[in-house]
N, C-alpha and C. Protein backbone atom coordinates (compact mmCIF):
# COMPACT_ATOMS: atom_id res chain seq x y z
N MET A 1 0.75 -1.20 0.10
CA MET A 1 0.02 -0.08 0.24
C MET A 1 1.11 1.31 -0.15
N ASP A 2 0.43 2.29 -0.85
CA ASP A 2 1.39 3.51 -0.91
C ASP A 2 0.83 4.55 -0.14
N THR A 3 1.86 4.96 1.12
CA THR A 3 1.31 6.05 2.26
C THR A 3 1.66 7.10 1.52
N MET A 4 2.30 7.55 0.49
CA MET A 4 2.59 8.98 0.32
C MET A 4 1.40 9.67 -0.51
N PRO A 5 0.96 10.64 0.19
CA PRO A 5 -0.17 11.13 -0.40
C PRO A 5 -0.19 11.61 -2.11
N SER A 6 -1.22 11.43 -2.59
CA SER A 6 -1.20 11.74 -4.18
C SER A 6 -0.56 13.36 -4.30
N GLY A 7 0.18 13.47 -5.33
CA GLY A 7 0.69 14.79 -5.39
C GLY A 7 1.90 15.16 -4.66
N THR A 8 2.48 14.50 -3.70
CA THR A 8 3.59 14.44 -2.79
C THR A 8 4.80 14.35 -3.59
N PRO A 9 5.75 15.34 -3.93
CA PRO A 9 6.85 14.71 -4.63
C PRO A 9 7.86 13.74 -3.88
N ALA A 10 8.58 12.91 -4.44
CA ALA A 10 9.27 11.81 -3.81
C ALA A 10 10.59 12.62 -3.54
N LEU A 11 11.25 12.22 -2.20
CA LEU A 11 12.55 12.54 -2.03
C LEU A 11 13.67 12.14 -2.99
N PRO A 12 14.66 12.78 -3.10
CA PRO A 12 15.75 12.31 -4.12
C PRO A 12 15.98 10.87 -4.15
N ASP A 13 16.03 10.20 -2.74
CA ASP A 13 16.51 8.81 -2.79
C ASP A 13 15.30 8.12 -3.18
N GLU A 14 13.92 8.33 -2.81
CA GLU A 14 12.79 7.61 -3.09
C GLU A 14 12.79 7.66 -4.66
N ALA A 15 12.82 8.97 -5.25
CA ALA A 15 12.74 9.10 -6.57
C ALA A 15 13.78 8.09 -7.43
N GLU A 16 15.04 8.08 -7.00
CA GLU A 16 15.96 7.15 -7.55
C GLU A 16 15.54 5.89 -7.43
N ALA A 17 15.26 5.45 -6.16
CA ALA A 17 14.61 4.04 -6.14
C ALA A 17 13.51 3.68 -7.19
N THR A 18 12.49 4.26 -7.33
CA THR A 18 11.46 4.38 -8.18
C THR A 18 11.78 4.13 -9.57
N ARG A 19 12.70 5.18 -9.90
CA ARG A 19 13.27 5.16 -11.29
C ARG A 19 13.96 3.93 -11.70
N ARG A 20 14.72 3.39 -10.78
CA ARG A 20 15.47 2.02 -11.03
C ARG A 20 14.40 1.00 -10.92
N ARG A 21 13.22 0.86 -10.21
CA ARG A 21 12.41 -0.27 -10.16
C ARG A 21 11.65 -0.12 -11.62
N ARG A 22 11.24 1.13 -11.99
CA ARG A 22 10.63 1.35 -13.26
C ARG A 22 11.62 0.98 -14.48
N GLN A 23 12.86 1.12 -14.33
CA GLN A 23 14.27 0.54 -15.26
C GLN A 23 13.95 -0.87 -15.57
N ASP A 24 14.08 -1.58 -14.26
CA ASP A 24 14.24 -2.99 -14.01
C ASP A 24 12.67 -3.56 -14.46
N ALA A 25 11.63 -3.29 -14.18
CA ALA A 25 10.34 -3.57 -14.75
C ALA A 25 10.35 -3.52 -16.36
N SER A 26 10.91 -2.60 -16.94
CA SER A 26 10.81 -2.18 -18.26
C SER A 26 11.70 -3.28 -18.98
N HIS A 27 12.92 -3.48 -18.28
CA HIS A 27 13.77 -4.47 -18.88
C HIS A 27 12.96 -5.90 -18.76
N LEU A 28 12.53 -6.27 -17.83
CA LEU A 28 11.91 -7.63 -17.56
C LEU A 28 10.73 -7.55 -18.76
N GLN A 29 10.06 -6.58 -18.84
CA GLN A 29 8.64 -6.49 -20.13
C GLN A 29 9.61 -6.96 -21.29
N GLU A 30 10.73 -6.38 -21.60
CA GLU A 30 11.67 -6.73 -23.01
C GLU A 30 11.95 -8.20 -22.90
N ILE A 31 12.49 -8.64 -21.88
CA ILE A 31 12.85 -10.10 -21.79
C ILE A 31 11.67 -11.00 -21.99
N GLU A 32 10.38 -10.41 -21.81
CA GLU A 32 9.20 -11.38 -21.91
C GLU A 32 8.55 -11.00 -23.35
N GLY A 33 9.27 -10.13 -24.04
CA GLY A 33 8.54 -9.91 -25.53
C GLY A 33 7.55 -9.09 -25.44
N ASN A 34 7.30 -8.12 -24.49
CA ASN A 34 6.26 -7.26 -24.38
C ASN A 34 6.87 -5.97 -23.78
N PRO A 35 7.77 -5.22 -24.49
CA PRO A 35 8.37 -3.94 -24.22
C PRO A 35 7.32 -3.06 -24.08
N LEU A 36 7.79 -1.95 -23.09
CA LEU A 36 6.92 -0.80 -22.95
C LEU A 36 7.28 0.25 -24.01
N ASP A 37 6.17 0.72 -24.36
CA ASP A 37 6.29 1.66 -25.84
C ASP A 37 6.63 3.03 -24.97
N THR A 38 6.67 4.09 -26.17
CA THR A 38 6.98 5.38 -25.32
C THR A 38 5.92 5.97 -24.56
N ALA A 39 4.48 5.50 -24.94
CA ALA A 39 3.42 6.16 -24.28
C ALA A 39 3.29 5.54 -22.69
N ASP A 40 3.68 4.37 -22.80
CA ASP A 40 3.58 3.54 -21.38
C ASP A 40 4.86 4.07 -20.59
N LEU A 41 6.08 4.34 -21.04
CA LEU A 41 7.17 4.98 -20.37
C LEU A 41 6.61 6.39 -19.79
N ALA A 42 6.13 7.10 -20.74
CA ALA A 42 5.65 8.73 -20.54
C ALA A 42 4.60 8.26 -19.35
N MET A 43 3.79 7.40 -19.25
CA MET A 43 2.63 7.42 -18.22
C MET A 43 3.24 7.15 -16.85
N PHE A 44 4.20 6.05 -16.64
CA PHE A 44 4.78 5.73 -15.72
C PHE A 44 5.62 6.89 -14.93
N GLU A 45 6.49 7.60 -15.91
CA GLU A 45 7.20 8.86 -15.68
C GLU A 45 6.26 9.88 -14.83
N MET A 46 5.19 10.15 -15.47
CA MET A 46 3.96 10.88 -15.12
C MET A 46 3.63 10.65 -13.68
N PHE A 47 3.41 9.23 -13.29
CA PHE A 47 2.91 8.74 -12.17
C PHE A 47 4.14 9.34 -11.27
N GLU A 48 5.20 9.04 -11.19
CA GLU A 48 6.46 9.29 -10.62
C GLU A 48 6.45 10.69 -10.26
N ARG A 49 6.44 11.51 -11.47
CA ARG A 49 6.38 12.90 -11.35
C ARG A 49 5.51 13.64 -10.37
N GLU A 50 4.34 13.30 -10.60
CA GLU A 50 2.98 13.73 -10.06
C GLU A 50 3.04 13.10 -8.41
N GLY A 51 3.68 11.95 -8.20
CA GLY A 51 3.35 11.22 -6.86
C GLY A 51 2.17 10.84 -6.83
N TRP A 52 1.72 9.95 -7.96
CA TRP A 52 0.40 9.37 -7.63
C TRP A 52 0.39 8.32 -6.81
N SER A 53 -0.49 7.89 -6.00
CA SER A 53 -0.81 6.79 -5.16
C SER A 53 -0.79 5.55 -5.88
N HIS A 54 -0.43 4.43 -5.41
CA HIS A 54 -0.48 3.15 -6.19
C HIS A 54 -2.03 2.75 -6.58
N GLU A 55 -2.93 3.17 -5.67
CA GLU A 55 -4.33 3.05 -5.87
C GLU A 55 -4.81 4.03 -7.10
N ARG A 56 -4.44 5.15 -7.25
CA ARG A 56 -4.85 6.25 -8.28
C ARG A 56 -4.13 5.68 -9.60
N ARG A 57 -2.84 5.16 -9.45
CA ARG A 57 -2.22 4.44 -10.62
C ARG A 57 -2.99 3.38 -11.23
N ARG A 58 -3.48 2.32 -10.45
CA ARG A 58 -4.20 1.20 -10.86
C ARG A 58 -5.44 1.88 -11.64
N ALA A 59 -6.21 2.56 -10.75
CA ALA A 59 -7.59 3.09 -11.26
C ALA A 59 -7.30 3.76 -12.62
N PHE A 60 -6.36 4.80 -12.71
CA PHE A 60 -5.97 5.22 -14.29
C PHE A 60 -5.94 4.06 -15.07
N ILE A 61 -4.95 3.05 -14.93
CA ILE A 61 -4.48 1.97 -15.93
C ILE A 61 -5.96 1.16 -16.28
N LEU A 62 -6.74 1.07 -15.23
CA LEU A 62 -8.00 0.03 -15.66
C LEU A 62 -8.72 1.02 -16.22
N ALA A 63 -9.19 2.24 -16.03
CA ALA A 63 -10.05 3.10 -17.06
C ALA A 63 -9.39 3.38 -18.00
N GLU A 64 -8.12 3.41 -18.54
CA GLU A 64 -7.61 3.54 -19.94
C GLU A 64 -7.83 2.06 -20.72
N ALA A 65 -7.74 1.06 -19.82
CA ALA A 65 -7.77 -0.17 -20.73
C ALA A 65 -9.27 -0.78 -20.79
N ALA A 66 -10.37 -0.10 -20.06
CA ALA A 66 -11.70 -0.23 -20.33
C ALA A 66 -11.89 0.70 -21.64
N LYS A 67 -11.55 1.82 -21.46
CA LYS A 67 -11.61 2.64 -22.79
C LYS A 67 -11.10 2.02 -24.07
N LEU A 68 -10.01 1.21 -24.06
CA LEU A 68 -9.57 0.57 -25.23
C LEU A 68 -10.36 -0.64 -25.54
N ALA A 69 -10.83 -1.24 -24.57
CA ALA A 69 -11.82 -2.34 -24.75
C ALA A 69 -13.16 -2.14 -25.36
N GLY A 70 -13.61 -0.55 -25.39
CA GLY A 70 -14.77 -0.21 -25.74
C GLY A 70 -15.94 -0.40 -24.68
N GLU A 71 -15.51 -0.50 -23.33
CA GLU A 71 -16.63 -0.33 -22.46
C GLU A 71 -17.14 0.82 -22.06
C-alpha cells in the first residue's frame, strides 16, 4: 500500500529507487517480449513525477484499458 499522499513529490532517494524499479520492470517486459512503448514509459514517468498513489495509478490504468476495450 502506498502511504505517500497523491501529488507529494518523492525525496531524491525515493525518486531514484522508483526510477530504478521502473527501469528493472521495463527490462523484464522486454525479456518477456512485451516491451513498454513510449506512451507507457511517459505514463509511468508522469505517475512518478506527480506522486500518484498506487491505488490512483491502478484506477487510471484500468480506466484506460476499459476505454480501449470499448466498455
